[in-house]
Amino acid sequence: MFLLRVIVFFILVSLVLILGYPLIIVYDLANGGDGFGLCQDIVTCSIPISEGPRLLVFLIGVFFFLVFLLRMIMKYMNSLQENNSIL
């Protein structure tokens, strides 16, 4: 049971990081950084037009997979406890 709670914690932390990742990239670019390897020089940066949507689709896919995984773990924990206190 403890291991399941640790897994749930890591899934929740991962969800927050996935939601904050685009904001961290924009913040890094705004402060003169390279967007964590996204663009070496902001003046001569050439990013393909499909890079943004591809990143968006990947992050949304991972987000919904983690939500699904979290839901399955919570249902399993609920069945172990034999009551409906979690869901």
C-alpha atoms as a PDB file:
ATOM      1  CA  MET A   1       0.000   0.000   0.000  1.00  0.00           C
ATOM      2  CA  PHE A   2       2.855   2.369   0.824  1.00  0.00           C
ATOM      3  CA  LEU A   3       4.471   1.712  -2.551  1.00  0.00           C
ATOM      4  CA  LEU A   4       1.215   2.595  -4.312  1.00  0.00           C
ATOM      5  CA  ARG A   5       1.079   5.897  -2.431  1.00  0.00           C
ATOM      6  CA  VAL A   6       4.659   6.672  -3.440  1.00  0.00           C
ATOM      7  CA  ILE A   7       3.790   5.912  -7.079  1.00  0.00           C
ATOM      8  CA  VAL A   8       0.744   8.194  -6.837  1.00  0.00           C
ATOM      9  CA  PHE A   9       2.955  10.954  -5.433  1.00  0.00           C
ATOM     10  CA  PHE A  10       5.429  10.635  -8.318  1.00  0.00           C
ATOM     11  CA  ILE A  11       2.604  10.634 -10.855  1.00  0.00           C
ATOM     12  CA  LEU A  12       1.192  13.835  -9.352  1.00  0.00           C
ATOM     13  CA  VAL A  13       4.618  15.493  -9.376  1.00  0.00           C
ATOM     14  CA  SER A  14       5.045  14.418 -13.017  1.00  0.00           C
ATOM     15  CA  LEU A  15       1.680  15.948 -13.910  1.00  0.00           C
ATOM     16  CA  VAL A  16       2.681  19.274 -12.387  1.00  0.00           C
ATOM     17  CA  LEU A  17       6.023  19.209 -14.216  1.00  0.00           C
ATOM     18  CA  ILE A  18       4.324  18.438 -17.540  1.00  0.00           C
ATOM     19  CA  LEU A  19       1.963  21.368 -17.085  1.00  0.00           C
ATOM     20  CA  GLY A  20       4.793  23.703 -16.088  1.00  0.00           C
ATOM     21  CA  TYR A  21       7.347  22.660 -18.718  1.00  0.00           C
ATOM     22  CA  PRO A  22       6.222  25.105 -21.440  1.00  0.00           C
ATOM     23  CA  LEU A  23       6.214  27.926 -18.890  1.00  0.00           C
ATOM     24  CA  ILE A  24       9.744  27.058 -17.788  1.00  0.00           C
ATOM     25  CA  ILE A  25      10.944  27.133 -21.422  1.00  0.00           C
ATOM     26  CA  VAL A  26       9.344  30.542 -22.028  1.00  0.00           C
ATOM     27  CA  TYR A  27      10.782  31.879 -18.768  1.00  0.00           C
ATOM     28  CA  ASP A  28      14.257  30.659 -19.717  1.00  0.00           C
ATOM     29  CA  LEU A  29      13.994  32.246 -23.184  1.00  0.00           C
ATOM     30  CA  ALA A  30      12.762  35.532 -21.669  1.00  0.00           C
ATOM     31  CA  ASN A  31      15.814  35.679 -19.413  1.00  0.00           C
ATOM     32  CA  GLY A  32      18.248  35.232 -22.274  1.00  0.00           C
ATOM     33  CA  GLY A  33      18.632  31.469 -22.034  1.00  0.00           C
ATOM     34  CA  ASP A  34      18.512  28.942 -24.826  1.00  0.00           C
ATOM     35  CA  GLY A  35      15.211  27.328 -23.838  1.00  0.00           C
ATOM     36  CA  PHE A  36      16.992  24.270 -22.433  1.00  0.00           C
ATOM     37  CA  GLY A  37      18.622  23.441 -25.746  1.00  0.00           C
ATOM     38  CA  LEU A  38      15.661  24.461 -27.890  1.00  0.00           C
ATOM     39  CA  CYS A  39      17.398  27.420 -29.480  1.00  0.00           C
ATOM     40  CA  GLN A  40      21.129  28.138 -29.188  1.00  0.00           C
ATOM     41  CA  ASP A  41      20.963  31.748 -30.416  1.00  0.00           C
ATOM     42  CA  ILE A  42      17.605  33.514 -30.260  1.00  0.00           C
ATOM     43  CA  VAL A  43      18.461  35.836 -33.162  1.00  0.00           C
ATOM     44  CA  THR A  44      19.415  33.130 -35.656  1.00  0.00           C
ATOM     45  CA  CYS A  45      17.143  30.429 -34.259  1.00  0.00           C
ATOM     46  CA  SER A  46      15.378  28.278 -36.830  1.00  0.00           C
ATOM     47  CA  ILE A  47      12.688  26.074 -35.305  1.00  0.00           C
ATOM     48  CA  PRO A  48      10.529  23.980 -37.661  1.00  0.00           C
ATOM     49  CA  ILE A  49       6.844  24.917 -37.833  1.00  0.00           C
ATOM     50  CA  SER A  50       5.812  21.475 -36.571  1.00  0.00           C
ATOM     51  CA  GLU A  51       8.009  21.544 -33.455  1.00  0.00           C
ATOM     52  CA  GLY A  52       5.486  23.367 -31.242  1.00  0.00           C
ATOM     53  CA  PRO A  53       2.447  21.259 -32.130  1.00  0.00           C
ATOM     54  CA  ARG A  54       4.526  18.075 -31.869  1.00  0.00           C
ATOM     55  CA  LEU A  55       5.636  19.033 -28.355  1.00  0.00           C
ATOM     56  CA  LEU A  56       2.056  19.962 -27.447  1.00  0.00           C
ATOM     57  CA  VAL A  57       0.649  16.635 -28.658  1.00  0.00           C
ATOM     58  CA  PHE A  58       3.387  14.726 -26.832  1.00  0.00           C
ATOM     59  CA  LEU A  59       2.806  16.582 -23.539  1.00  0.00           C
ATOM     60  CA  ILE A  60      -0.980  16.195 -23.769  1.00  0.00           C
ATOM     61  CA  GLY A  61      -0.623  12.483 -24.563  1.00  0.00           C
ATOM     62  CA  VAL A  62       1.684  11.905 -21.602  1.00  0.00           C
ATOM     63  CA  PHE A  63      -0.623  13.975 -19.376  1.00  0.00           C
ATOM     64  CA  PHE A  64      -3.693  11.875 -20.206  1.00  0.00           C
ATOM     65  CA  PHE A  65      -1.710   8.637 -19.878  1.00  0.00           C
ATOM     66  CA  LEU A  66      -0.597   9.660 -16.379  1.00  0.00           C
ATOM     67  CA  VAL A  67      -4.157  10.654 -15.444  1.00  0.00           C
ATOM     68  CA  PHE A  68      -5.370   7.241 -16.671  1.00  0.00           C
ATOM     69  CA  LEU A  69      -2.623   5.489 -14.710  1.00  0.00           C
ATOM     70  CA  LEU A  70      -3.468   7.526 -11.604  1.00  0.00           C
ATOM     71  CA  ARG A  71      -7.144   6.620 -11.949  1.00  0.00           C
ATOM     72  CA  MET A  72      -6.352   2.899 -12.258  1.00  0.00           C
ATOM     73  CA  ILE A  73      -4.082   2.972  -9.205  1.00  0.00           C
ATOM     74  CA  MET A  74      -6.699   4.818  -7.169  1.00  0.00           C
ATOM     75  CA  LYS A  75      -9.369   2.272  -8.147  1.00  0.00           C
ATOM     76  CA  TYR A  76      -7.022  -0.556  -7.176  1.00  0.00           C
ATOM     77  CA  MET A  77      -6.288   1.107  -3.829  1.00  0.00           C
ATOM     78  CA  ASN A  78     -10.017   1.547  -3.326  1.00  0.00           C
ATOM     79  CA  SER A  79     -10.644  -2.137  -3.974  1.00  0.00           C
ATOM     80  CA  LEU A  80      -7.908  -3.048  -1.470  1.00  0.00           C
ATOM     81  CA  GLN A  81      -9.471  -0.926   1.239  1.00  0.00           C
ATOM     82  CA  GLU A  82     -13.016  -2.199   0.532  1.00  0.00           C
ATOM     83  CA  ASN A  83     -14.568   1.219   0.997  1.00  0.00           C
ATOM     84  CA  ASN A  84     -15.233   4.252  -1.177  1.00  0.00           C
ATOM     85  CA  SER A  85     -13.153   6.807   0.715  1.00  0.00           C
ATOM     86  CA  ILE A  86     -10.630   7.480  -2.060  1.00  0.00           C
ATOM     87  CA  LEU A  87     -12.893   7.955  -5.090  1.00  0.00           C
END
